[in-house]
Amino acid sequence: MNYSVEDVYEIVSRNIKKYRKEANMTQEQLAIKANYTHQFIRRIEAPNVKKTFSLETIYRISVALNKKFCDMFAENDG
């Protein structure tokens, strides 16, 4: 399947939000644990917002959420 860059950002964004909620973490808690601002995490998770974040960002968030890096790219149903 072919994905646009925007599709990949949306998949990652949805997974960050999903895994954060599964971990019973607030955006603020995730921001602190990953060493980012609350506003940055909020923008990453916000729907319909143009997203640009690095592989390092995805990695740091995956570590903060205790998830594998590749989990961030998995297509999930919800």
PDB file of N, CA and C in Angstrom:
ATOM      1  N   MET A   1       0.843  -1.184   0.000  1.00  0.00           N
ATOM      2  CA  MET A   1       0.000   0.000   0.000  1.00  0.00           C
ATOM      3  C   MET A   1       0.883   1.241   0.000  1.00  0.00           C
ATOM      4  N   ASN A   2       0.489   2.223  -0.765  1.00  0.00           N
ATOM      5  CA  ASN A   2       1.247   3.470  -0.830  1.00  0.00           C
ATOM      6  C   ASN A   2       0.670   4.493   0.146  1.00  0.00           C
ATOM      7  N   TYR A   3       1.547   5.092   0.914  1.00  0.00           N
ATOM      8  CA  TYR A   3       1.148   6.098   1.886  1.00  0.00           C
ATOM      9  C   TYR A   3       1.802   7.416   1.535  1.00  0.00           C
ATOM     10  N   SER A   4       1.066   8.479   1.723  1.00  0.00           N
ATOM     11  CA  SER A   4       1.661   9.804   1.597  1.00  0.00           C
ATOM     12  C   SER A   4       2.395  10.118   2.900  1.00  0.00           C
ATOM     13  N   VAL A   5       3.246  11.106   2.852  1.00  0.00           N
ATOM     14  CA  VAL A   5       3.938  11.546   4.069  1.00  0.00           C
ATOM     15  C   VAL A   5       2.917  11.948   5.125  1.00  0.00           C
ATOM     16  N   GLU A   6       1.868  12.627   4.698  1.00  0.00           N
ATOM     17  CA  GLU A   6       0.822  13.056   5.633  1.00  0.00           C
ATOM     18  C   GLU A   6       0.152  11.859   6.291  1.00  0.00           C
ATOM     19  N   ASP A   7      -0.066  10.782   5.524  1.00  0.00           N
ATOM     20  CA  ASP A   7      -0.661   9.564   6.081  1.00  0.00           C
ATOM     21  C   ASP A   7       0.218   8.990   7.198  1.00  0.00           C
ATOM     22  N   VAL A   8       1.513   8.963   6.969  1.00  0.00           N
ATOM     23  CA  VAL A   8       2.434   8.403   7.966  1.00  0.00           C
ATOM     24  C   VAL A   8       2.407   9.251   9.239  1.00  0.00           C
ATOM     25  N   TYR A   9       2.441  10.570   9.084  1.00  0.00           N
ATOM     26  CA  TYR A   9       2.351  11.439  10.266  1.00  0.00           C
ATOM     27  C   TYR A   9       1.052  11.188  11.026  1.00  0.00           C
ATOM     28  N   GLU A  10      -0.052  11.006  10.322  1.00  0.00           N
ATOM     29  CA  GLU A  10      -1.337  10.760  10.987  1.00  0.00           C
ATOM     30  C   GLU A  10      -1.346   9.431  11.723  1.00  0.00           C
ATOM     31  N   ILE A  11      -0.776   8.398  11.122  1.00  0.00           N
ATOM     32  CA  ILE A  11      -0.698   7.084  11.786  1.00  0.00           C
ATOM     33  C   ILE A  11       0.114   7.203  13.073  1.00  0.00           C
ATOM     34  N   VAL A  12       1.270   7.830  12.987  1.00  0.00           N
ATOM     35  CA  VAL A  12       2.127   7.999  14.160  1.00  0.00           C
ATOM     36  C   VAL A  12       1.402   8.830  15.217  1.00  0.00           C
ATOM     37  N   SER A  13       0.773   9.902  14.797  1.00  0.00           N
ATOM     38  CA  SER A  13       0.052  10.779  15.723  1.00  0.00           C
ATOM     39  C   SER A  13      -1.040  10.017  16.476  1.00  0.00           C
ATOM     40  N   ARG A  14      -1.828   9.242  15.745  1.00  0.00           N
ATOM     41  CA  ARG A  14      -2.891   8.448  16.383  1.00  0.00           C
ATOM     42  C   ARG A  14      -2.314   7.428  17.358  1.00  0.00           C
ATOM     43  N   ASN A  15      -1.196   6.814  16.977  1.00  0.00           N
ATOM     44  CA  ASN A  15      -0.584   5.823  17.866  1.00  0.00           C
ATOM     45  C   ASN A  15      -0.029   6.455  19.123  1.00  0.00           C
ATOM     46  N   ILE A  16       0.577   7.616  19.001  1.00  0.00           N
ATOM     47  CA  ILE A  16       1.085   8.305  20.192  1.00  0.00           C
ATOM     48  C   ILE A  16      -0.068   8.552  21.165  1.00  0.00           C
ATOM     49  N   LYS A  17      -1.159   9.075  20.661  1.00  0.00           N
ATOM     50  CA  LYS A  17      -2.318   9.354  21.521  1.00  0.00           C
ATOM     51  C   LYS A  17      -2.873   8.061  22.132  1.00  0.00           C
ATOM     52  N   LYS A  18      -2.988   7.020  21.310  1.00  0.00           N
ATOM     53  CA  LYS A  18      -3.522   5.738  21.780  1.00  0.00           C
ATOM     54  C   LYS A  18      -2.648   5.160  22.891  1.00  0.00           C
ATOM     55  N   TYR A  19      -1.341   5.088  22.646  1.00  0.00           N
ATOM     56  CA  TYR A  19      -0.442   4.493  23.634  1.00  0.00           C
ATOM     57  C   TYR A  19      -0.331   5.351  24.885  1.00  0.00           C
ATOM     58  N   ARG A  20      -0.433   6.664  24.723  1.00  0.00           N
ATOM     59  CA  ARG A  20      -0.411   7.553  25.898  1.00  0.00           C
ATOM     60  C   ARG A  20      -1.623   7.289  26.780  1.00  0.00           C
ATOM     61  N   LYS A  21      -2.786   7.157  26.147  1.00  0.00           N
ATOM     62  CA  LYS A  21      -4.008   6.890  26.913  1.00  0.00           C
ATOM     63  C   LYS A  21      -3.958   5.516  27.568  1.00  0.00           C
ATOM     64  N   GLU A  22      -3.427   4.523  26.835  1.00  0.00           N
ATOM     65  CA  GLU A  22      -3.275   3.179  27.410  1.00  0.00           C
ATOM     66  C   GLU A  22      -2.371   3.208  28.642  1.00  0.00           C
ATOM     67  N   ALA A  23      -1.396   4.096  28.644  1.00  0.00           N
ATOM     68  CA  ALA A  23      -0.463   4.232  29.764  1.00  0.00           C
ATOM     69  C   ALA A  23      -1.031   5.127  30.871  1.00  0.00           C
ATOM     70  N   ASN A  24      -2.273   5.589  30.697  1.00  0.00           N
ATOM     71  CA  ASN A  24      -2.911   6.497  31.662  1.00  0.00           C
ATOM     72  C   ASN A  24      -2.044   7.721  31.939  1.00  0.00           C
ATOM     73  N   MET A  25      -1.498   8.286  30.861  1.00  0.00           N
ATOM     74  CA  MET A  25      -0.654   9.476  30.944  1.00  0.00           C
ATOM     75  C   MET A  25      -1.376  10.661  30.345  1.00  0.00           C
ATOM     76  N   THR A  26      -1.168  11.804  30.926  1.00  0.00           N
ATOM     77  CA  THR A  26      -1.665  13.035  30.318  1.00  0.00           C
ATOM     78  C   THR A  26      -0.640  13.500  29.284  1.00  0.00           C
ATOM     79  N   GLN A  27      -1.049  14.439  28.447  1.00  0.00           N
ATOM     80  CA  GLN A  27      -0.102  15.021  27.497  1.00  0.00           C
ATOM     81  C   GLN A  27       1.052  15.685  28.253  1.00  0.00           C
ATOM     82  N   GLU A  28       0.737  16.333  29.339  1.00  0.00           N
ATOM     83  CA  GLU A  28       1.760  17.000  30.156  1.00  0.00           C
ATOM     84  C   GLU A  28       2.763  15.987  30.702  1.00  0.00           C
ATOM     85  N   GLN A  29       2.276  14.867  31.209  1.00  0.00           N
ATOM     86  CA  GLN A  29       3.169  13.832  31.743  1.00  0.00           C
ATOM     87  C   GLN A  29       4.078  13.265  30.648  1.00  0.00           C
ATOM     88  N   LEU A  30       3.503  13.015  29.473  1.00  0.00           N
ATOM     89  CA  LEU A  30       4.304  12.517  28.359  1.00  0.00           C
ATOM     90  C   LEU A  30       5.348  13.552  27.956  1.00  0.00           C
ATOM     91  N   ALA A  31       4.951  14.794  27.906  1.00  0.00           N
ATOM     92  CA  ALA A  31       5.883  15.863  27.537  1.00  0.00           C
ATOM     93  C   ALA A  31       7.076  15.897  28.483  1.00  0.00           C
ATOM     94  N   ILE A  32       6.811  15.814  29.751  1.00  0.00           N
ATOM     95  CA  ILE A  32       7.885  15.845  30.753  1.00  0.00           C
ATOM     96  C   ILE A  32       8.787  14.624  30.592  1.00  0.00           C
ATOM     97  N   LYS A  33       8.192  13.462  30.451  1.00  0.00           N
ATOM     98  CA  LYS A  33       8.962  12.221  30.354  1.00  0.00           C
ATOM     99  C   LYS A  33       9.817  12.180  29.080  1.00  0.00           C
ATOM    100  N   ALA A  34       9.305  12.739  27.984  1.00  0.00           N
ATOM    101  CA  ALA A  34      10.038  12.729  26.710  1.00  0.00           C
ATOM    102  C   ALA A  34      10.885  13.990  26.525  1.00  0.00           C
ATOM    103  N   ASN A  35      10.803  14.917  27.488  1.00  0.00           N
ATOM    104  CA  ASN A  35      11.559  16.173  27.456  1.00  0.00           C
ATOM    105  C   ASN A  35      11.133  17.084  26.306  1.00  0.00           C
ATOM    106  N   TYR A  36       9.813  17.244  26.176  1.00  0.00           N
ATOM    107  CA  TYR A  36       9.226  18.173  25.213  1.00  0.00           C
ATOM    108  C   TYR A  36       8.243  19.062  25.955  1.00  0.00           C
ATOM    109  N   THR A  37       7.742  20.076  25.277  1.00  0.00           N
ATOM    110  CA  THR A  37       6.724  20.931  25.895  1.00  0.00           C
ATOM    111  C   THR A  37       5.355  20.295  25.714  1.00  0.00           C
ATOM    112  N   HIS A  38       4.458  20.666  26.610  1.00  0.00           N
ATOM    113  CA  HIS A  38       3.080  20.199  26.518  1.00  0.00           C
ATOM    114  C   HIS A  38       2.470  20.640  25.191  1.00  0.00           C
ATOM    115  N   GLN A  39       2.753  21.852  24.767  1.00  0.00           N
ATOM    116  CA  GLN A  39       2.206  22.376  23.518  1.00  0.00           C
ATOM    117  C   GLN A  39       2.673  21.548  22.315  1.00  0.00           C
ATOM    118  N   PHE A  40       3.915  21.092  22.337  1.00  0.00           N
ATOM    119  CA  PHE A  40       4.444  20.286  21.240  1.00  0.00           C
ATOM    120  C   PHE A  40       3.707  18.951  21.162  1.00  0.00           C
ATOM    121  N   ILE A  41       3.513  18.299  22.296  1.00  0.00           N
ATOM    122  CA  ILE A  41       2.782  17.019  22.318  1.00  0.00           C
ATOM    123  C   ILE A  41       1.342  17.245  21.872  1.00  0.00           C
ATOM    124  N   ARG A  42       0.740  18.325  22.331  1.00  0.00           N
ATOM    125  CA  ARG A  42      -0.645  18.626  21.940  1.00  0.00           C
ATOM    126  C   ARG A  42      -0.756  18.795  20.426  1.00  0.00           C
ATOM    127  N   ARG A  43       0.195  19.498  19.811  1.00  0.00           N
ATOM    128  CA  ARG A  43       0.173  19.678  18.350  1.00  0.00           C
ATOM    129  C   ARG A  43       0.370  18.360  17.618  1.00  0.00           C
ATOM    130  N   ILE A  44       1.237  17.503  18.131  1.00  0.00           N
ATOM    131  CA  ILE A  44       1.445  16.195  17.499  1.00  0.00           C
ATOM    132  C   ILE A  44       0.143  15.404  17.479  1.00  0.00           C
ATOM    133  N   GLU A  45      -0.587  15.426  18.575  1.00  0.00           N
ATOM    134  CA  GLU A  45      -1.811  14.636  18.689  1.00  0.00           C
ATOM    135  C   GLU A  45      -3.026  15.293  18.037  1.00  0.00           C
ATOM    136  N   ALA A  46      -2.969  16.574  17.779  1.00  0.00           N
ATOM    137  CA  ALA A  46      -4.136  17.297  17.265  1.00  0.00           C
ATOM    138  C   ALA A  46      -4.509  16.813  15.860  1.00  0.00           C
ATOM    139  N   PRO A  47      -5.791  16.521  15.655  1.00  0.00           N
ATOM    140  CA  PRO A  47      -6.224  16.133  14.308  1.00  0.00           C
ATOM    141  C   PRO A  47      -6.240  17.353  13.395  1.00  0.00           C
ATOM    142  N   ASN A  48      -6.076  17.120  12.123  1.00  0.00           N
ATOM    143  CA  ASN A  48      -6.170  18.176  11.098  1.00  0.00           C
ATOM    144  C   ASN A  48      -5.170  19.313  11.278  1.00  0.00           C
ATOM    145  N   VAL A  49      -4.036  19.009  11.877  1.00  0.00           N
ATOM    146  CA  VAL A  49      -2.963  19.985  12.008  1.00  0.00           C
ATOM    147  C   VAL A  49      -1.769  19.435  11.238  1.00  0.00           C
ATOM    148  N   LYS A  50      -1.163  20.265  10.406  1.00  0.00           N
ATOM    149  CA  LYS A  50       0.007  19.809   9.652  1.00  0.00           C
ATOM    150  C   LYS A  50       1.091  19.420  10.644  1.00  0.00           C
ATOM    151  N   LYS A  51       1.610  18.223  10.464  1.00  0.00           N
ATOM    152  CA  LYS A  51       2.570  17.698  11.419  1.00  0.00           C
ATOM    153  C   LYS A  51       3.946  17.572  10.785  1.00  0.00           C
ATOM    154  N   THR A  52       4.945  17.971  11.534  1.00  0.00           N
ATOM    155  CA  THR A  52       6.330  17.731  11.168  1.00  0.00           C
ATOM    156  C   THR A  52       7.088  17.452  12.453  1.00  0.00           C
ATOM    157  N   PHE A  53       7.544  16.251  12.585  1.00  0.00           N
ATOM    158  CA  PHE A  53       8.384  15.898  13.719  1.00  0.00           C
ATOM    159  C   PHE A  53       9.373  14.850  13.248  1.00  0.00           C
ATOM    160  N   SER A  54      10.480  14.747  13.939  1.00  0.00           N
ATOM    161  CA  SER A  54      11.599  13.924  13.491  1.00  0.00           C
ATOM    162  C   SER A  54      11.505  12.485  13.978  1.00  0.00           C
ATOM    163  N   LEU A  55      12.356  11.652  13.403  1.00  0.00           N
ATOM    164  CA  LEU A  55      12.476  10.280  13.885  1.00  0.00           C
ATOM    165  C   LEU A  55      12.952  10.272  15.328  1.00  0.00           C
ATOM    166  N   GLU A  56      13.820  11.211  15.685  1.00  0.00           N
ATOM    167  CA  GLU A  56      14.268  11.307  17.078  1.00  0.00           C
ATOM    168  C   GLU A  56      13.088  11.572  18.006  1.00  0.00           C
ATOM    169  N   THR A  57      12.185  12.434  17.580  1.00  0.00           N
ATOM    170  CA  THR A  57      10.991  12.722  18.385  1.00  0.00           C
ATOM    171  C   THR A  57      10.162  11.459  18.577  1.00  0.00           C
ATOM    172  N   ILE A  58       9.936  10.734  17.501  1.00  0.00           N
ATOM    173  CA  ILE A  58       9.153   9.493  17.603  1.00  0.00           C
ATOM    174  C   ILE A  58       9.862   8.511  18.525  1.00  0.00           C
ATOM    175  N   TYR A  59      11.171   8.408  18.393  1.00  0.00           N
ATOM    176  CA  TYR A  59      11.938   7.510  19.251  1.00  0.00           C
ATOM    177  C   TYR A  59      11.815   7.902  20.726  1.00  0.00           C
ATOM    178  N   ARG A  60      12.023   9.176  21.030  1.00  0.00           N
ATOM    179  CA  ARG A  60      11.958   9.636  22.425  1.00  0.00           C
ATOM    180  C   ARG A  60      10.572   9.414  23.027  1.00  0.00           C
ATOM    181  N   ILE A  61       9.539   9.638  22.222  1.00  0.00           N
ATOM    182  CA  ILE A  61       8.179   9.408  22.712  1.00  0.00           C
ATOM    183  C   ILE A  61       7.933   7.912  22.901  1.00  0.00           C
ATOM    184  N   SER A  62       8.439   7.086  21.990  1.00  0.00           N
ATOM    185  CA  SER A  62       8.251   5.639  22.146  1.00  0.00           C
ATOM    186  C   SER A  62       8.920   5.142  23.426  1.00  0.00           C
ATOM    187  N   VAL A  63      10.100   5.652  23.730  1.00  0.00           N
ATOM    188  CA  VAL A  63      10.782   5.273  24.967  1.00  0.00           C
ATOM    189  C   VAL A  63       9.961   5.724  26.177  1.00  0.00           C
ATOM    190  N   ALA A  64       9.460   6.948  26.128  1.00  0.00           N
ATOM    191  CA  ALA A  64       8.650   7.474  27.241  1.00  0.00           C
ATOM    192  C   ALA A  64       7.380   6.654  27.453  1.00  0.00           C
ATOM    193  N   LEU A  65       6.858   6.089  26.370  1.00  0.00           N
ATOM    194  CA  LEU A  65       5.634   5.273  26.449  1.00  0.00           C
ATOM    195  C   LEU A  65       5.935   3.788  26.627  1.00  0.00           C
ATOM    196  N   ASN A  66       7.211   3.439  26.708  1.00  0.00           N
ATOM    197  CA  ASN A  66       7.624   2.046  26.859  1.00  0.00           C
ATOM    198  C   ASN A  66       7.113   1.174  25.709  1.00  0.00           C
ATOM    199  N   LYS A  67       7.241   1.708  24.501  1.00  0.00           N
ATOM    200  CA  LYS A  67       6.815   1.008  23.288  1.00  0.00           C
ATOM    201  C   LYS A  67       8.006   0.867  22.352  1.00  0.00           C
ATOM    202  N   LYS A  68       7.929  -0.120  21.470  1.00  0.00           N
ATOM    203  CA  LYS A  68       8.951  -0.262  20.443  1.00  0.00           C
ATOM    204  C   LYS A  68       8.774   0.855  19.428  1.00  0.00           C
ATOM    205  N   PHE A  69       9.900   1.297  18.872  1.00  0.00           N
ATOM    206  CA  PHE A  69       9.869   2.346  17.851  1.00  0.00           C
ATOM    207  C   PHE A  69       8.931   1.952  16.710  1.00  0.00           C
ATOM    208  N   CYS A  70       9.027   0.711  16.261  1.00  0.00           N
ATOM    209  CA  CYS A  70       8.204   0.273  15.124  1.00  0.00           C
ATOM    210  C   CYS A  70       6.715   0.271  15.454  1.00  0.00           C
ATOM    211  N   ASP A  71       6.347   0.151  16.740  1.00  0.00           N
ATOM    212  CA  ASP A  71       4.926   0.202  17.127  1.00  0.00           C
ATOM    213  C   ASP A  71       4.289   1.524  16.743  1.00  0.00           C
ATOM    214  N   MET A  72       5.089   2.568  16.690  1.00  0.00           N
ATOM    215  CA  MET A  72       4.566   3.897  16.387  1.00  0.00           C
ATOM    216  C   MET A  72       4.046   3.996  14.941  1.00  0.00           C
ATOM    217  N   PHE A  73       4.484   3.090  14.084  1.00  0.00           N
ATOM    218  CA  PHE A  73       4.112   3.121  12.674  1.00  0.00           C
ATOM    219  C   PHE A  73       3.036   2.098  12.315  1.00  0.00           C
ATOM    220  N   ALA A  74       2.597   1.316  13.297  1.00  0.00           N
ATOM    221  CA  ALA A  74       1.622   0.251  13.038  1.00  0.00           C
ATOM    222  C   ALA A  74       0.242   0.831  12.808  1.00  0.00           C
ATOM    223  N   GLU A  75      -0.430   0.284  11.816  1.00  0.00           N
ATOM    224  CA  GLU A  75      -1.813   0.691  11.569  1.00  0.00           C
ATOM    225  C   GLU A  75      -2.705  -0.027  12.582  1.00  0.00           C
ATOM    226  N   ASN A  76      -3.469   0.752  13.322  1.00  0.00           N
ATOM    227  CA  ASN A  76      -4.388   0.204  14.322  1.00  0.00           C
ATOM    228  C   ASN A  76      -5.807   0.628  14.009  1.00  0.00           C
ATOM    229  N   ASP A  77      -6.726  -0.116  14.553  1.00  0.00           N
ATOM    230  CA  ASP A  77      -8.136   0.194  14.309  1.00  0.00           C
ATOM    231  C   ASP A  77      -8.645   1.356  15.155  1.00  0.00           C
ATOM    232  N   GLY A  78      -7.948   1.732  16.185  1.00  0.00           N
ATOM    233  CA  GLY A  78      -8.498   2.792  16.994  1.00  0.00           C
ATOM    234  C   GLY A  78      -7.594   3.406  17.909  1.00  0.00           C
TER     235      GLY A  78
END
